Amino acid sequence: MIINFEEIEEAILPQFHGGEKKFRTRMITDQYNKIQRGRLEPGASIGMHTHHADSEILYVLEGTGTVLYDGGEEAVEAGVCHYCPKGHAHSLINSGDKDLIFFAVIPQQ
């Protein structure tokens, strides 16, 4: 199955999970996974949230940012993968000066 994100309508989610500015995403969801390409402009973030029933795999395609994870900080950049297992909390912040673009998979339970 091919997923062409350019053919998927972009959703704009202001202050997603209590974050700053807008989170822009193109995603598909079925009973097994949520698959998305997300974009955060400079200064935008996805707020801290816990994955109670699922996990998340996030791969940075472009830009730089910071992940807050279990009380610590992780620098992310293009080519880096961040994993948030079930039961853990994280936040993603675009701390760079260009858009932070990432690919994420959230398996559905």
PDB file of N, CA and C in Angstrom:
ATOM      1  N   MET A   1       0.852  -1.183   0.000  1.00  0.00           N
ATOM      2  CA  MET A   1       0.000   0.000   0.000  1.00  0.00           C
ATOM      3  C   MET A   1       0.894   1.242   0.000  1.00  0.00           C
ATOM      4  N   ILE A   2       0.677   2.118  -0.943  1.00  0.00           N
ATOM      5  CA  ILE A   2       1.412   3.380  -1.022  1.00  0.00           C
ATOM      6  C   ILE A   2       0.634   4.450  -0.259  1.00  0.00           C
ATOM      7  N   ILE A   3       1.354   5.220   0.534  1.00  0.00           N
ATOM      8  CA  ILE A   3       0.758   6.371   1.215  1.00  0.00           C
ATOM      9  C   ILE A   3       1.447   7.608   0.657  1.00  0.00           C
ATOM     10  N   ASN A   4       0.694   8.431  -0.066  1.00  0.00           N
ATOM     11  CA  ASN A   4       1.227   9.684  -0.595  1.00  0.00           C
ATOM     12  C   ASN A   4       0.679  10.812   0.270  1.00  0.00           C
ATOM     13  N   PHE A   5       1.521  11.318   1.163  1.00  0.00           N
ATOM     14  CA  PHE A   5       1.063  12.342   2.107  1.00  0.00           C
ATOM     15  C   PHE A   5       0.607  13.608   1.403  1.00  0.00           C
ATOM     16  N   GLU A   6       1.123  13.876   0.215  1.00  0.00           N
ATOM     17  CA  GLU A   6       0.700  15.069  -0.525  1.00  0.00           C
ATOM     18  C   GLU A   6      -0.771  14.987  -0.941  1.00  0.00           C
ATOM     19  N   GLU A   7      -1.307  13.777  -1.020  1.00  0.00           N
ATOM     20  CA  GLU A   7      -2.711  13.595  -1.408  1.00  0.00           C
ATOM     21  C   GLU A   7      -3.660  13.578  -0.219  1.00  0.00           C
ATOM     22  N   ILE A   8      -3.123  13.677   0.980  1.00  0.00           N
ATOM     23  CA  ILE A   8      -3.933  13.661   2.206  1.00  0.00           C
ATOM     24  C   ILE A   8      -4.113  15.093   2.697  1.00  0.00           C
ATOM     25  N   GLU A   9      -5.332  15.448   3.017  1.00  0.00           N
ATOM     26  CA  GLU A   9      -5.616  16.801   3.503  1.00  0.00           C
ATOM     27  C   GLU A   9      -4.850  17.071   4.800  1.00  0.00           C
ATOM     28  N   GLU A  10      -4.265  18.249   4.876  1.00  0.00           N
ATOM     29  CA  GLU A  10      -3.519  18.633   6.068  1.00  0.00           C
ATOM     30  C   GLU A  10      -4.476  19.072   7.169  1.00  0.00           C
ATOM     31  N   ALA A  11      -4.282  18.517   8.360  1.00  0.00           N
ATOM     32  CA  ALA A  11      -5.034  18.942   9.540  1.00  0.00           C
ATOM     33  C   ALA A  11      -4.154  19.916  10.315  1.00  0.00           C
ATOM     34  N   ILE A  12      -4.763  20.977  10.814  1.00  0.00           N
ATOM     35  CA  ILE A  12      -4.044  21.967  11.618  1.00  0.00           C
ATOM     36  C   ILE A  12      -4.605  21.887  13.034  1.00  0.00           C
ATOM     37  N   LEU A  13      -3.732  21.529  13.969  1.00  0.00           N
ATOM     38  CA  LEU A  13      -4.147  21.300  15.352  1.00  0.00           C
ATOM     39  C   LEU A  13      -3.478  22.332  16.251  1.00  0.00           C
ATOM     40  N   PRO A  14      -4.212  23.397  16.626  1.00  0.00           N
ATOM     41  CA  PRO A  14      -3.621  24.422  17.485  1.00  0.00           C
ATOM     42  C   PRO A  14      -3.346  23.885  18.886  1.00  0.00           C
ATOM     43  N   GLN A  15      -2.206  24.248  19.430  1.00  0.00           N
ATOM     44  CA  GLN A  15      -1.827  23.920  20.806  1.00  0.00           C
ATOM     45  C   GLN A  15      -2.092  22.449  21.140  1.00  0.00           C
ATOM     46  N   PHE A  16      -1.623  21.560  20.264  1.00  0.00           N
ATOM     47  CA  PHE A  16      -1.851  20.120  20.405  1.00  0.00           C
ATOM     48  C   PHE A  16      -1.252  19.607  21.713  1.00  0.00           C
ATOM     49  N   HIS A  17      -2.032  18.943  22.504  1.00  0.00           N
ATOM     50  CA  HIS A  17      -1.641  18.438  23.832  1.00  0.00           C
ATOM     51  C   HIS A  17      -1.090  19.561  24.708  1.00  0.00           C
ATOM     52  N   GLY A  18      -1.574  20.792  24.505  1.00  0.00           N
ATOM     53  CA  GLY A  18      -1.120  21.919  25.312  1.00  0.00           C
ATOM     54  C   GLY A  18       0.162  22.562  24.822  1.00  0.00           C
ATOM     55  N   GLY A  19       0.591  22.216  23.611  1.00  0.00           N
ATOM     56  CA  GLY A  19       1.816  22.769  23.048  1.00  0.00           C
ATOM     57  C   GLY A  19       1.646  24.190  22.557  1.00  0.00           C
ATOM     58  N   GLU A  20       2.701  24.723  21.991  1.00  0.00           N
ATOM     59  CA  GLU A  20       2.718  26.087  21.464  1.00  0.00           C
ATOM     60  C   GLU A  20       2.396  26.082  19.971  1.00  0.00           C
ATOM     61  N   LYS A  21       1.759  27.130  19.520  1.00  0.00           N
ATOM     62  CA  LYS A  21       1.453  27.359  18.106  1.00  0.00           C
ATOM     63  C   LYS A  21       0.634  26.216  17.512  1.00  0.00           C
ATOM     64  N   LYS A  22       0.937  25.866  16.240  1.00  0.00           N
ATOM     65  CA  LYS A  22       0.129  24.877  15.522  1.00  0.00           C
ATOM     66  C   LYS A  22       0.964  23.665  15.124  1.00  0.00           C
ATOM     67  N   PHE A  23       0.338  22.496  15.226  1.00  0.00           N
ATOM     68  CA  PHE A  23       0.902  21.252  14.732  1.00  0.00           C
ATOM     69  C   PHE A  23       0.151  20.927  13.447  1.00  0.00           C
ATOM     70  N   ARG A  24       0.872  20.768  12.349  1.00  0.00           N
ATOM     71  CA  ARG A  24       0.270  20.450  11.053  1.00  0.00           C
ATOM     72  C   ARG A  24       0.603  19.002  10.729  1.00  0.00           C
ATOM     73  N   THR A  25      -0.420  18.248  10.322  1.00  0.00           N
ATOM     74  CA  THR A  25      -0.193  16.831  10.063  1.00  0.00           C
ATOM     75  C   THR A  25      -1.049  16.331   8.911  1.00  0.00           C
ATOM     76  N   ARG A  26      -0.507  15.370   8.211  1.00  0.00           N
ATOM     77  CA  ARG A  26      -1.236  14.608   7.199  1.00  0.00           C
ATOM     78  C   ARG A  26      -1.131  13.167   7.683  1.00  0.00           C
ATOM     79  N   MET A  27      -2.281  12.511   7.908  1.00  0.00           N
ATOM     80  CA  MET A  27      -2.225  11.181   8.504  1.00  0.00           C
ATOM     81  C   MET A  27      -3.316  10.265   7.983  1.00  0.00           C
ATOM     82  N   ILE A  28      -3.019   8.995   8.118  1.00  0.00           N
ATOM     83  CA  ILE A  28      -4.050   7.987   7.909  1.00  0.00           C
ATOM     84  C   ILE A  28      -4.130   7.164   9.185  1.00  0.00           C
ATOM     85  N   THR A  29      -5.317   6.686   9.481  1.00  0.00           N
ATOM     86  CA  THR A  29      -5.537   5.879  10.671  1.00  0.00           C
ATOM     87  C   THR A  29      -6.412   4.697  10.281  1.00  0.00           C
ATOM     88  N   ASP A  30      -6.013   3.524  10.732  1.00  0.00           N
ATOM     89  CA  ASP A  30      -6.874   2.363  10.604  1.00  0.00           C
ATOM     90  C   ASP A  30      -6.886   1.656  11.954  1.00  0.00           C
ATOM     91  N   GLN A  31      -7.401   0.446  12.000  1.00  0.00           N
ATOM     92  CA  GLN A  31      -7.506  -0.233  13.294  1.00  0.00           C
ATOM     93  C   GLN A  31      -6.146  -0.664  13.837  1.00  0.00           C
ATOM     94  N   TYR A  32      -5.093  -0.597  13.024  1.00  0.00           N
ATOM     95  CA  TYR A  32      -3.786  -1.078  13.437  1.00  0.00           C
ATOM     96  C   TYR A  32      -2.779   0.022  13.756  1.00  0.00           C
ATOM     97  N   ASN A  33      -2.814   1.129  13.002  1.00  0.00           N
ATOM     98  CA  ASN A  33      -1.804   2.176  13.139  1.00  0.00           C
ATOM     99  C   ASN A  33      -2.352   3.562  12.813  1.00  0.00           C
ATOM    100  N   LYS A  34      -1.696   4.557  13.389  1.00  0.00           N
ATOM    101  CA  LYS A  34      -1.825   5.935  12.940  1.00  0.00           C
ATOM    102  C   LYS A  34      -0.467   6.253  12.311  1.00  0.00           C
ATOM    103  N   ILE A  35      -0.477   6.644  11.042  1.00  0.00           N
ATOM    104  CA  ILE A  35       0.750   6.933  10.310  1.00  0.00           C
ATOM    105  C   ILE A  35       0.671   8.379   9.856  1.00  0.00           C
ATOM    106  N   GLN A  36       1.668   9.161  10.190  1.00  0.00           N
ATOM    107  CA  GLN A  36       1.573  10.591   9.889  1.00  0.00           C
ATOM    108  C   GLN A  36       2.900  11.219   9.514  1.00  0.00           C
ATOM    109  N   ARG A  37       2.775  12.281   8.738  1.00  0.00           N
ATOM    110  CA  ARG A  37       3.889  13.192   8.512  1.00  0.00           C
ATOM    111  C   ARG A  37       3.481  14.498   9.176  1.00  0.00           C
ATOM    112  N   GLY A  38       4.276  14.929  10.136  1.00  0.00           N
ATOM    113  CA  GLY A  38       3.944  16.133  10.886  1.00  0.00           C
ATOM    114  C   GLY A  38       4.930  17.246  10.622  1.00  0.00           C
ATOM    115  N   ARG A  39       4.460  18.468  10.900  1.00  0.00           N
ATOM    116  CA  ARG A  39       5.304  19.646  10.703  1.00  0.00           C
ATOM    117  C   ARG A  39       5.059  20.633  11.830  1.00  0.00           C
ATOM    118  N   LEU A  40       6.160  21.102  12.413  1.00  0.00           N
ATOM    119  CA  LEU A  40       6.114  22.160  13.427  1.00  0.00           C
ATOM    120  C   LEU A  40       6.954  23.324  12.936  1.00  0.00           C
ATOM    121  N   GLU A  41       6.380  24.515  12.901  1.00  0.00           N
ATOM    122  CA  GLU A  41       7.143  25.709  12.532  1.00  0.00           C
ATOM    123  C   GLU A  41       8.067  26.062  13.689  1.00  0.00           C
ATOM    124  N   PRO A  42       9.076  26.911  13.466  1.00  0.00           N
ATOM    125  CA  PRO A  42       9.956  27.305  14.564  1.00  0.00           C
ATOM    126  C   PRO A  42       9.161  27.835  15.763  1.00  0.00           C
ATOM    127  N   GLY A  43       9.507  27.345  16.941  1.00  0.00           N
ATOM    128  CA  GLY A  43       8.823  27.755  18.170  1.00  0.00           C
ATOM    129  C   GLY A  43       7.571  26.966  18.485  1.00  0.00           C
ATOM    130  N   ALA A  44       7.106  26.131  17.574  1.00  0.00           N
ATOM    131  CA  ALA A  44       5.905  25.325  17.809  1.00  0.00           C
ATOM    132  C   ALA A  44       6.285  24.051  18.556  1.00  0.00           C
ATOM    133  N   SER A  45       5.301  23.465  19.241  1.00  0.00           N
ATOM    134  CA  SER A  45       5.562  22.227  19.978  1.00  0.00           C
ATOM    135  C   SER A  45       4.296  21.389  20.093  1.00  0.00           C
ATOM    136  N   ILE A  46       4.529  20.124  20.375  1.00  0.00           N
ATOM    137  CA  ILE A  46       3.475  19.199  20.797  1.00  0.00           C
ATOM    138  C   ILE A  46       3.681  19.045  22.291  1.00  0.00           C
ATOM    139  N   GLY A  47       2.654  19.327  23.063  1.00  0.00           N
ATOM    140  CA  GLY A  47       2.787  19.326  24.517  1.00  0.00           C
ATOM    141  C   GLY A  47       3.052  17.947  25.101  1.00  0.00           C
ATOM    142  N   MET A  48       3.487  17.939  26.345  1.00  0.00           N
ATOM    143  CA  MET A  48       3.787  16.702  27.065  1.00  0.00           C
ATOM    144  C   MET A  48       2.524  15.849  27.168  1.00  0.00           C
ATOM    145  N   HIS A  49       2.656  14.590  26.799  1.00  0.00           N
ATOM    146  CA  HIS A  49       1.539  13.650  26.901  1.00  0.00           C
ATOM    147  C   HIS A  49       2.082  12.247  27.122  1.00  0.00           C
ATOM    148  N   THR A  50       1.285  11.418  27.780  1.00  0.00           N
ATOM    149  CA  THR A  50       1.669  10.049  28.091  1.00  0.00           C
ATOM    150  C   THR A  50       0.985   9.093  27.128  1.00  0.00           C
ATOM    151  N   HIS A  51       1.730   8.113  26.679  1.00  0.00           N
ATOM    152  CA  HIS A  51       1.161   7.063  25.819  1.00  0.00           C
ATOM    153  C   HIS A  51       0.691   5.932  26.729  1.00  0.00           C
ATOM    154  N   HIS A  52      -0.559   6.040  27.187  1.00  0.00           N
ATOM    155  CA  HIS A  52      -1.126   5.064  28.118  1.00  0.00           C
ATOM    156  C   HIS A  52      -1.422   3.731  27.446  1.00  0.00           C
ATOM    157  N   ALA A  53      -1.950   3.762  26.234  1.00  0.00           N
ATOM    158  CA  ALA A  53      -2.418   2.533  25.582  1.00  0.00           C
ATOM    159  C   ALA A  53      -1.630   2.178  24.333  1.00  0.00           C
ATOM    160  N   ASP A  54      -0.644   2.988  23.962  1.00  0.00           N
ATOM    161  CA  ASP A  54       0.103   2.755  22.731  1.00  0.00           C
ATOM    162  C   ASP A  54       1.530   3.262  22.898  1.00  0.00           C
ATOM    163  N   SER A  55       2.290   3.221  21.827  1.00  0.00           N
ATOM    164  CA  SER A  55       3.649   3.750  21.804  1.00  0.00           C
ATOM    165  C   SER A  55       3.764   4.663  20.588  1.00  0.00           C
ATOM    166  N   GLU A  56       4.917   5.297  20.400  1.00  0.00           N
ATOM    167  CA  GLU A  56       5.118   6.135  19.225  1.00  0.00           C
ATOM    168  C   GLU A  56       6.565   6.047  18.761  1.00  0.00           C
ATOM    169  N   ILE A  57       6.719   5.906  17.454  1.00  0.00           N
ATOM    170  CA  ILE A  57       8.015   5.927  16.803  1.00  0.00           C
ATOM    171  C   ILE A  57       8.035   7.188  15.951  1.00  0.00           C
ATOM    172  N   LEU A  58       9.015   8.050  16.170  1.00  0.00           N
ATOM    173  CA  LEU A  58       9.078   9.340  15.497  1.00  0.00           C
ATOM    174  C   LEU A  58      10.444   9.477  14.829  1.00  0.00           C
ATOM    175  N   TYR A  59      10.460   9.683  13.510  1.00  0.00           N
ATOM    176  CA  TYR A  59      11.696   9.806  12.744  1.00  0.00           C
ATOM    177  C   TYR A  59      11.762  11.203  12.136  1.00  0.00           C
ATOM    178  N   VAL A  60      12.808  11.948  12.438  1.00  0.00           N
ATOM    179  CA  VAL A  60      12.944  13.323  11.963  1.00  0.00           C
ATOM    180  C   VAL A  60      13.465  13.311  10.526  1.00  0.00           C
ATOM    181  N   LEU A  61      12.703  13.964   9.640  1.00  0.00           N
ATOM    182  CA  LEU A  61      13.056  14.068   8.229  1.00  0.00           C
ATOM    183  C   LEU A  61      13.849  15.336   7.929  1.00  0.00           C
ATOM    184  N   GLU A  62      13.435  16.457   8.544  1.00  0.00           N
ATOM    185  CA  GLU A  62      14.086  17.751   8.313  1.00  0.00           C
ATOM    186  C   GLU A  62      14.023  18.571   9.587  1.00  0.00           C
ATOM    187  N   GLY A  63      15.027  19.418   9.779  1.00  0.00           N
ATOM    188  CA  GLY A  63      15.021  20.356  10.890  1.00  0.00           C
ATOM    189  C   GLY A  63      15.671  19.797  12.145  1.00  0.00           C
ATOM    190  N   THR A  64      15.555  20.590  13.208  1.00  0.00           N
ATOM    191  CA  THR A  64      16.119  20.232  14.508  1.00  0.00           C
ATOM    192  C   THR A  64      15.100  20.532  15.590  1.00  0.00           C
ATOM    193  N   GLY A  65      15.239  19.836  16.703  1.00  0.00           N
ATOM    194  CA  GLY A  65      14.311  20.062  17.791  1.00  0.00           C
ATOM    195  C   GLY A  65      14.787  19.426  19.075  1.00  0.00           C
ATOM    196  N   THR A  66      13.900  19.459  20.048  1.00  0.00           N
ATOM    197  CA  THR A  66      14.151  18.899  21.364  1.00  0.00           C
ATOM    198  C   THR A  66      12.967  18.028  21.749  1.00  0.00           C
ATOM    199  N   VAL A  67      13.276  16.842  22.250  1.00  0.00           N
ATOM    200  CA  VAL A  67      12.255  15.965  22.810  1.00  0.00           C
ATOM    201  C   VAL A  67      12.425  15.989  24.324  1.00  0.00           C
ATOM    202  N   LEU A  68      11.359  16.290  25.040  1.00  0.00           N
ATOM    203  CA  LEU A  68      11.340  16.129  26.494  1.00  0.00           C
ATOM    204  C   LEU A  68      10.803  14.726  26.727  1.00  0.00           C
ATOM    205  N   TYR A  69      11.558  13.916  27.466  1.00  0.00           N
ATOM    206  CA  TYR A  69      11.210  12.508  27.616  1.00  0.00           C
ATOM    207  C   TYR A  69      11.550  12.028  29.014  1.00  0.00           C
ATOM    208  N   ASP A  70      10.523  11.626  29.763  1.00  0.00           N
ATOM    209  CA  ASP A  70      10.720  11.074  31.107  1.00  0.00           C
ATOM    210  C   ASP A  70      11.637  11.929  31.969  1.00  0.00           C
ATOM    211  N   GLY A  71      11.437  13.226  31.942  1.00  0.00           N
ATOM    212  CA  GLY A  71      12.192  14.136  32.797  1.00  0.00           C
ATOM    213  C   GLY A  71      13.524  14.598  32.223  1.00  0.00           C
ATOM    214  N   GLY A  72      13.890  14.119  31.045  1.00  0.00           N
ATOM    215  CA  GLY A  72      15.145  14.531  30.425  1.00  0.00           C
ATOM    216  C   GLY A  72      14.905  15.208  29.095  1.00  0.00           C
ATOM    217  N   GLU A  73      15.983  15.595  28.434  1.00  0.00           N
ATOM    218  CA  GLU A  73      15.916  16.236  27.119  1.00  0.00           C
ATOM    219  C   GLU A  73      16.779  15.468  26.136  1.00  0.00           C
ATOM    220  N   GLU A  74      16.278  15.345  24.905  1.00  0.00           N
ATOM    221  CA  GLU A  74      17.017  14.694  23.831  1.00  0.00           C
ATOM    222  C   GLU A  74      17.011  15.624  22.625  1.00  0.00           C
ATOM    223  N   ALA A  75      18.164  15.891  22.056  1.00  0.00           N
ATOM    224  CA  ALA A  75      18.253  16.684  20.824  1.00  0.00           C
ATOM    225  C   ALA A  75      17.920  15.765  19.653  1.00  0.00           C
ATOM    226  N   VAL A  76      17.114  16.265  18.717  1.00  0.00           N
ATOM    227  CA  VAL A  76      16.780  15.496  17.520  1.00  0.00           C
ATOM    228  C   VAL A  76      17.088  16.339  16.291  1.00  0.00           C
ATOM    229  N   GLU A  77      17.432  15.643  15.210  1.00  0.00           N
ATOM    230  CA  GLU A  77      17.720  16.288  13.932  1.00  0.00           C
ATOM    231  C   GLU A  77      17.417  15.287  12.843  1.00  0.00           C
ATOM    232  N   ALA A  78      17.480  15.736  11.607  1.00  0.00           N
ATOM    233  CA  ALA A  78      17.212  14.855  10.477  1.00  0.00           C
ATOM    234  C   ALA A  78      18.055  13.591  10.584  1.00  0.00           C
ATOM    235  N   GLY A  79      17.380  12.446  10.431  1.00  0.00           N
ATOM    236  CA  GLY A  79      18.051  11.161  10.501  1.00  0.00           C
ATOM    237  C   GLY A  79      18.007  10.494  11.855  1.00  0.00           C
ATOM    238  N   VAL A  80      17.420  11.156  12.860  1.00  0.00           N
ATOM    239  CA  VAL A  80      17.350  10.615  14.212  1.00  0.00           C
ATOM    240  C   VAL A  80      15.932  10.092  14.473  1.00  0.00           C
ATOM    241  N   CYS A  81      15.879   8.952  15.165  1.00  0.00           N
ATOM    242  CA  CYS A  81      14.601   8.343  15.536  1.00  0.00           C
ATOM    243  C   CYS A  81      14.421   8.428  17.047  1.00  0.00           C
ATOM    244  N   HIS A  82      13.242   8.845  17.490  1.00  0.00           N
ATOM    245  CA  HIS A  82      12.887   8.864  18.910  1.00  0.00           C
ATOM    246  C   HIS A  82      11.774   7.843  19.114  1.00  0.00           C
ATOM    247  N   TYR A  83      11.883   7.067  20.177  1.00  0.00           N
ATOM    248  CA  TYR A  83      10.870   6.065  20.506  1.00  0.00           C
ATOM    249  C   TYR A  83      10.310   6.358  21.889  1.00  0.00           C
ATOM    250  N   CYS A  84       8.984   6.416  21.980  1.00  0.00           N
ATOM    251  CA  CYS A  84       8.306   6.605  23.261  1.00  0.00           C
ATOM    252  C   CYS A  84       7.469   5.353  23.533  1.00  0.00           C
ATOM    253  N   PRO A  85       7.935   4.456  24.415  1.00  0.00           N
ATOM    254  CA  PRO A  85       7.194   3.230  24.699  1.00  0.00           C
ATOM    255  C   PRO A  85       5.895   3.489  25.463  1.00  0.00           C
ATOM    256  N   LYS A  86       5.025   2.517  25.413  1.00  0.00           N
ATOM    257  CA  LYS A  86       3.776   2.548  26.178  1.00  0.00           C
ATOM    258  C   LYS A  86       4.093   2.836  27.649  1.00  0.00           C
ATOM    259  N   GLY A  87       3.302   3.748  28.247  1.00  0.00           N
ATOM    260  CA  GLY A  87       3.478   4.099  29.645  1.00  0.00           C
ATOM    261  C   GLY A  87       4.435   5.251  29.890  1.00  0.00           C
ATOM    262  N   HIS A  88       5.058   5.781  28.838  1.00  0.00           N
ATOM    263  CA  HIS A  88       6.015   6.881  28.985  1.00  0.00           C
ATOM    264  C   HIS A  88       5.435   8.169  28.406  1.00  0.00           C
ATOM    265  N   ALA A  89       6.045   9.292  28.770  1.00  0.00           N
ATOM    266  CA  ALA A  89       5.564  10.606  28.339  1.00  0.00           C
ATOM    267  C   ALA A  89       6.651  11.323  27.542  1.00  0.00           C
ATOM    268  N   HIS A  90       6.191  12.135  26.579  1.00  0.00           N
ATOM    269  CA  HIS A  90       7.139  12.932  25.797  1.00  0.00           C
ATOM    270  C   HIS A  90       6.471  14.172  25.228  1.00  0.00           C
ATOM    271  N   SER A  91       7.315  15.077  24.747  1.00  0.00           N
ATOM    272  CA  SER A  91       6.903  16.314  24.099  1.00  0.00           C
ATOM    273  C   SER A  91       7.921  16.592  22.999  1.00  0.00           C
ATOM    274  N   LEU A  92       7.485  17.223  21.908  1.00  0.00           N
ATOM    275  CA  LEU A  92       8.385  17.562  20.805  1.00  0.00           C
ATOM    276  C   LEU A  92       8.338  19.066  20.595  1.00  0.00           C
ATOM    277  N   ILE A  93       9.514  19.689  20.544  1.00  0.00           N
ATOM    278  CA  ILE A  93       9.630  21.146  20.406  1.00  0.00           C
ATOM    279  C   ILE A  93      10.519  21.455  19.213  1.00  0.00           C
ATOM    280  N   ASN A  94      10.054  22.335  18.337  1.00  0.00           N
ATOM    281  CA  ASN A  94      10.923  22.814  17.270  1.00  0.00           C
ATOM    282  C   ASN A  94      11.753  23.945  17.863  1.00  0.00           C
ATOM    283  N   SER A  95      12.997  23.636  18.190  1.00  0.00           N
ATOM    284  CA  SER A  95      13.904  24.632  18.766  1.00  0.00           C
ATOM    285  C   SER A  95      14.848  25.199  17.712  1.00  0.00           C
ATOM    286  N   GLY A  96      14.618  24.839  16.453  1.00  0.00           N
ATOM    287  CA  GLY A  96      15.448  25.338  15.361  1.00  0.00           C
ATOM    288  C   GLY A  96      14.836  26.550  14.689  1.00  0.00           C
ATOM    289  N   ASP A  97      15.447  26.972  13.588  1.00  0.00           N
ATOM    290  CA  ASP A  97      14.959  28.149  12.868  1.00  0.00           C
ATOM    291  C   ASP A  97      14.296  27.796  11.535  1.00  0.00           C
ATOM    292  N   LYS A  98      14.103  26.497  11.280  1.00  0.00           N
ATOM    293  CA  LYS A  98      13.389  26.029  10.090  1.00  0.00           C
ATOM    294  C   LYS A  98      12.311  25.044  10.534  1.00  0.00           C
ATOM    295  N   ASP A  99      11.376  24.711   9.648  1.00  0.00           N
ATOM    296  CA  ASP A  99      10.338  23.744   9.994  1.00  0.00           C
ATOM    297  C   ASP A  99      10.958  22.418  10.429  1.00  0.00           C
ATOM    298  N   LEU A 100      10.359  21.805  11.434  1.00  0.00           N
ATOM    299  CA  LEU A 100      10.720  20.459  11.875  1.00  0.00           C
ATOM    300  C   LEU A 100       9.687  19.521  11.258  1.00  0.00           C
ATOM    301  N   ILE A 101      10.144  18.634  10.391  1.00  0.00           N
ATOM    302  CA  ILE A 101       9.255  17.716   9.688  1.00  0.00           C
ATOM    303  C   ILE A 101       9.620  16.303  10.112  1.00  0.00           C
ATOM    304  N   PHE A 102       8.603  15.525  10.465  1.00  0.00           N
ATOM    305  CA  PHE A 102       8.864  14.181  10.965  1.00  0.00           C
ATOM    306  C   PHE A 102       7.810  13.200  10.474  1.00  0.00           C
ATOM    307  N   PHE A 103       8.172  11.932  10.536  1.00  0.00           N
ATOM    308  CA  PHE A 103       7.299  10.819  10.201  1.00  0.00           C
ATOM    309  C   PHE A 103       7.060  10.064  11.505  1.00  0.00           C
ATOM    310  N   ALA A 104       5.815   9.715  11.795  1.00  0.00           N
ATOM    311  CA  ALA A 104       5.518   9.013  13.046  1.00  0.00           C
ATOM    312  C   ALA A 104       4.552   7.869  12.794  1.00  0.00           C
ATOM    313  N   VAL A 105       4.752   6.802  13.578  1.00  0.00           N
ATOM    314  CA  VAL A 105       3.839   5.668  13.577  1.00  0.00           C
ATOM    315  C   VAL A 105       3.425   5.424  15.013  1.00  0.00           C
ATOM    316  N   ILE A 106       2.111   5.345  15.224  1.00  0.00           N
ATOM    317  CA  ILE A 106       1.549   5.061  16.546  1.00  0.00           C
ATOM    318  C   ILE A 106       0.674   3.823  16.394  1.00  0.00           C
ATOM    319  N   PRO A 107       1.205   2.648  16.819  1.00  0.00           N
ATOM    320  CA  PRO A 107       0.399   1.428  16.717  1.00  0.00           C
ATOM    321  C   PRO A 107      -0.858   1.531  17.590  1.00  0.00           C
ATOM    322  N   GLN A 108      -1.975   1.095  17.054  1.00  0.00           N
ATOM    323  CA  GLN A 108      -3.237   1.152  17.779  1.00  0.00           C
ATOM    324  C   GLN A 108      -3.449  -0.172  18.519  1.00  0.00           C
ATOM    325  N   GLN A 109      -3.906  -0.097  19.738  1.00  0.00           N
ATOM    326  CA  GLN A 109      -4.153  -1.296  20.550  1.00  0.00           C
ATOM    327  C   GLN A 109      -5.568  -1.778  20.377  1.00  0.00           C
TER     328      GLN A 109
END
